[in-house]
N, C-alpha and C. Protein backbone atom coordinates (compact mmCIF):
# COMPACT_ATOMS: atom_id res chain seq x y z
N UNK A 1 0.93 3.31 -8.93
CA UNK A 1 0.13 4.06 -10.52
C UNK A 1 0.19 5.75 -10.65
N UNK A 2 0.47 6.33 -11.34
CA UNK A 2 0.31 7.79 -11.51
C UNK A 2 -0.28 8.62 -12.07
N UNK A 3 -1.34 9.60 -11.40
CA UNK A 3 -2.24 9.94 -11.66
C UNK A 3 -2.27 10.85 -12.39
N UNK A 4 -2.90 10.73 -13.82
CA UNK A 4 -2.49 11.26 -15.17
C UNK A 4 -3.49 12.65 -14.70
N UNK A 5 -4.30 13.14 -14.05
CA UNK A 5 -4.44 14.28 -14.34
C UNK A 5 -3.25 15.58 -13.43
N UNK A 6 -2.65 14.75 -13.02
CA UNK A 6 -1.72 16.27 -12.40
C UNK A 6 -0.83 16.17 -13.28
N UNK A 7 -0.65 15.32 -14.43
CA UNK A 7 0.76 15.78 -15.21
C UNK A 7 0.21 16.50 -16.96
N UNK A 8 1.06 17.29 -16.82
CA UNK A 8 0.82 17.53 -18.38
C UNK A 8 1.15 17.26 -19.46
N UNK A 9 0.66 17.70 -20.29
CA UNK A 9 0.53 16.97 -22.21
C UNK A 9 2.27 16.84 -22.58
N UNK A 10 3.16 17.71 -22.41
CA UNK A 10 4.26 16.94 -21.85
C UNK A 10 4.62 15.92 -21.42
N UNK A 11 4.74 16.48 -19.66
CA UNK A 11 4.75 14.61 -19.02
C UNK A 11 4.87 13.47 -19.59
N UNK A 12 3.04 13.75 -20.64
CA UNK A 12 2.41 12.19 -21.11
C UNK A 12 3.05 12.31 -21.71
N UNK A 13 3.47 12.71 -23.02
CA UNK A 13 4.13 12.73 -24.28
C UNK A 13 5.29 11.84 -23.90
N UNK A 14 6.06 12.37 -22.88
CA UNK A 14 7.67 11.47 -22.46
C UNK A 14 7.71 10.68 -21.09
N UNK A 15 6.77 9.83 -20.81
CA UNK A 15 6.43 8.99 -20.41
C UNK A 15 7.14 7.17 -21.01
N UNK A 16 7.83 6.58 -20.67
CA UNK A 16 8.00 5.16 -21.23
C UNK A 16 6.89 4.82 -21.09
N UNK A 17 7.29 4.24 -22.07
CA UNK A 17 5.93 1.89 -21.90
C UNK A 17 5.71 1.81 -19.71
N UNK A 18 7.01 1.32 -19.21
CA UNK A 18 6.90 0.91 -18.08
C UNK A 18 6.24 1.77 -17.34
N UNK A 19 6.75 3.05 -17.38
CA UNK A 19 6.05 4.26 -17.03
C UNK A 19 4.00 4.24 -16.93
N UNK A 20 4.08 4.38 -18.19
CA UNK A 20 2.20 4.03 -18.56
C UNK A 20 1.63 2.97 -18.69
N UNK A 21 2.28 1.86 -18.71
CA UNK A 21 1.49 0.28 -18.50
C UNK A 21 1.74 -0.47 -17.95
N UNK A 22 2.98 -0.58 -17.48
CA UNK A 22 4.18 -1.23 -16.38
C UNK A 22 4.29 -2.28 -17.16
N UNK A 23 4.15 -1.75 -17.97
CA UNK A 23 5.31 -3.24 -19.10
C UNK A 23 6.51 -2.51 -19.58
N UNK A 24 7.37 -4.21 -19.48
CA UNK A 24 9.04 -3.17 -19.60
C UNK A 24 9.63 -3.52 -21.49
N UNK A 25 9.75 -2.07 -21.62
CA UNK A 25 10.26 -2.17 -23.33
C UNK A 25 11.77 -2.78 -23.43
N UNK A 26 11.42 -3.68 -24.23
CA UNK A 26 12.45 -4.55 -24.96
C UNK A 26 13.58 -4.70 -26.47
N UNK A 27 13.00 -3.37 -26.49
CA UNK A 27 13.11 -2.66 -27.85
C UNK A 27 15.28 -2.80 -28.04
N UNK A 28 15.66 -1.36 -26.63
CA UNK A 28 17.26 -1.90 -27.07
C UNK A 28 18.06 -2.15 -26.58
N UNK A 29 17.35 -3.19 -25.93
CA UNK A 29 18.28 -4.17 -24.90
C UNK A 29 18.42 -5.97 -25.97
N UNK A 30 19.72 -5.70 -25.82
CA UNK A 30 20.66 -6.70 -26.59
C UNK A 30 20.30 -8.51 -26.29
N UNK A 31 20.14 -8.84 -27.16
CA UNK A 31 20.27 -10.66 -26.96
C UNK A 31 21.85 -11.04 -27.48
N UNK A 32 21.63 -11.95 -26.77
CA UNK A 32 23.31 -12.56 -26.70
C UNK A 32 22.85 -13.84 -26.02
N UNK A 33 24.16 -15.50 -26.59
CA UNK A 33 23.70 -16.62 -25.48
C UNK A 33 24.83 -16.94 -25.35
N UNK A 34 24.45 -17.56 -24.55
CA UNK A 34 25.70 -18.44 -23.82
C UNK A 34 26.57 -19.71 -24.12
N UNK A 35 27.59 -19.36 -23.74
CA UNK A 35 28.36 -20.72 -24.40
C UNK A 35 27.69 -22.18 -25.20
N UNK A 36 26.94 -22.72 -24.45
CA UNK A 36 25.80 -23.36 -23.99
C UNK A 36 24.46 -23.42 -25.17
N UNK A 37 23.84 -21.70 -25.08
CA UNK A 37 23.06 -21.77 -26.18
C UNK A 37 23.67 -21.67 -27.25
N UNK A 38 25.13 -21.02 -27.27
CA UNK A 38 25.74 -21.12 -29.13
C UNK A 38 25.40 -22.34 -29.90
N UNK A 39 25.54 -23.65 -29.29
CA UNK A 39 25.74 -24.67 -29.45
C UNK A 39 24.73 -25.63 -29.82
N UNK A 40 23.71 -25.37 -28.59
CA UNK A 40 22.52 -25.84 -29.29
C UNK A 40 21.88 -24.58 -30.19
N UNK A 41 21.67 -22.98 -30.85
CA UNK A 41 21.52 -22.97 -31.66
C UNK A 41 21.83 -23.38 -32.76
N UNK A 42 23.66 -23.34 -33.24
CA UNK A 42 24.39 -24.64 -34.20
C UNK A 42 23.83 -25.66 -34.11
N UNK A 43 22.56 -25.99 -33.26
CA UNK A 43 22.31 -27.46 -33.40
C UNK A 43 21.68 -28.13 -34.47
N UNK A 44 20.23 -26.30 -33.88
CA UNK A 44 19.18 -26.60 -34.07
C UNK A 44 18.78 -25.74 -34.62
N UNK A 45 19.37 -25.38 -36.04
CA UNK A 45 19.92 -23.86 -37.17
C UNK A 45 19.10 -24.71 -38.92
N UNK A 46 18.59 -24.15 -39.54
CA UNK A 46 18.74 -24.74 -40.40
C UNK A 46 18.80 -23.08 -41.46
N UNK A 47 18.60 -23.71 -42.69
CA UNK A 47 19.15 -22.29 -44.21
C UNK A 47 17.71 -22.66 -44.27
N UNK A 48 16.92 -20.92 -43.81
CA UNK A 48 16.00 -20.32 -44.61
C UNK A 48 15.85 -20.32 -45.88
N UNK A 49 14.71 -19.94 -46.82
CA UNK A 49 14.07 -19.57 -48.25
C UNK A 49 15.29 -18.21 -49.46
N UNK A 50 15.79 -17.77 -48.12
CA UNK A 50 16.32 -16.87 -48.83
C UNK A 50 17.88 -17.01 -48.11
N UNK A 51 17.82 -17.94 -47.92
CA UNK A 51 19.50 -18.44 -47.79
C UNK A 51 20.07 -18.19 -46.36
N UNK A 52 19.50 -17.48 -45.14
CA UNK A 52 19.80 -16.78 -44.19
C UNK A 52 19.32 -18.41 -43.54
N UNK A 53 20.49 -18.12 -42.37
CA UNK A 53 20.61 -19.23 -40.94
C UNK A 53 20.00 -18.79 -40.29
N UNK A 54 18.87 -20.50 -39.27
CA UNK A 54 17.63 -19.35 -38.65
C UNK A 54 17.96 -20.81 -37.60
N UNK A 55 17.27 -20.12 -36.55
CA UNK A 55 17.39 -21.40 -34.99
C UNK A 55 16.91 -20.24 -34.20
N UNK A 56 16.31 -21.46 -33.60
CA UNK A 56 14.38 -21.60 -32.67
C UNK A 56 15.22 -20.93 -31.14
N UNK A 57 16.43 -21.18 -31.30
CA UNK A 57 16.75 -21.70 -29.77
C UNK A 57 17.16 -20.31 -28.53
N UNK A 58 16.74 -20.63 -27.84
CA UNK A 58 16.31 -19.17 -26.97
C UNK A 58 17.21 -18.34 -27.00
N UNK A 59 17.80 -17.08 -26.56
CA UNK A 59 18.43 -16.17 -26.29
C UNK A 59 18.01 -15.05 -24.27
N UNK A 60 19.06 -14.24 -24.47
CA UNK A 60 18.89 -14.12 -22.80
C UNK A 60 18.78 -12.34 -23.23
N UNK A 61 19.34 -11.61 -22.31
CA UNK A 61 18.37 -10.71 -22.72
C UNK A 61 19.19 -9.48 -21.59
N UNK A 62 20.85 -8.89 -21.59
CA UNK A 62 21.24 -8.28 -20.83
C UNK A 62 20.57 -7.14 -19.65
N UNK A 63 20.71 -7.26 -18.87
CA UNK A 63 19.53 -6.19 -17.80
C UNK A 63 20.10 -5.08 -17.72
N UNK A 64 18.77 -4.29 -17.58
CA UNK A 64 18.79 -2.87 -17.21
C UNK A 64 20.27 -2.73 -16.30
N UNK A 65 20.31 -1.92 -16.03
CA UNK A 65 21.24 -0.80 -15.85
C UNK A 65 21.43 -0.29 -14.42
N UNK A 66 19.64 -0.32 -14.21
CA UNK A 66 19.83 -0.69 -13.12
C UNK A 66 19.34 -2.03 -12.34
N UNK A 67 19.08 -3.28 -12.76
CA UNK A 67 19.35 -4.18 -12.10
C UNK A 67 20.81 -4.63 -12.18
N UNK A 68 21.53 -3.77 -12.84
CA UNK A 68 23.49 -4.40 -12.75
C UNK A 68 23.40 -3.57 -11.30
N UNK A 69 23.03 -2.43 -11.24
CA UNK A 69 23.78 -1.99 -9.69
C UNK A 69 24.96 -0.74 -10.14
N UNK A 70 25.49 -0.43 -9.11
CA UNK A 70 26.45 0.37 -9.63
C UNK A 70 27.57 -0.30 -9.55
N UNK A 71 28.63 0.63 -10.63
CA UNK A 71 29.80 0.21 -10.90
C UNK A 71 30.72 0.71 -10.44
N UNK A 72 31.46 0.25 -9.90
CA UNK A 72 32.55 0.31 -9.47
C UNK A 72 34.22 0.44 -10.00
């Protein structure tokens, strides 16, 4: 846990959601589907009111660069 009393206002402003709340921010992580997941998505797809295809099949997210480890 970070002691906020020792930080300046600028440091607090630039903190990420992970360091502030301990929750991973998934907004910039790209979703993807494996081959089996794509087949499931096609099987469960339906046409929405506006003509777009929708599916509730699950997606995965690319791992964070820290989780991947060093790239050699």
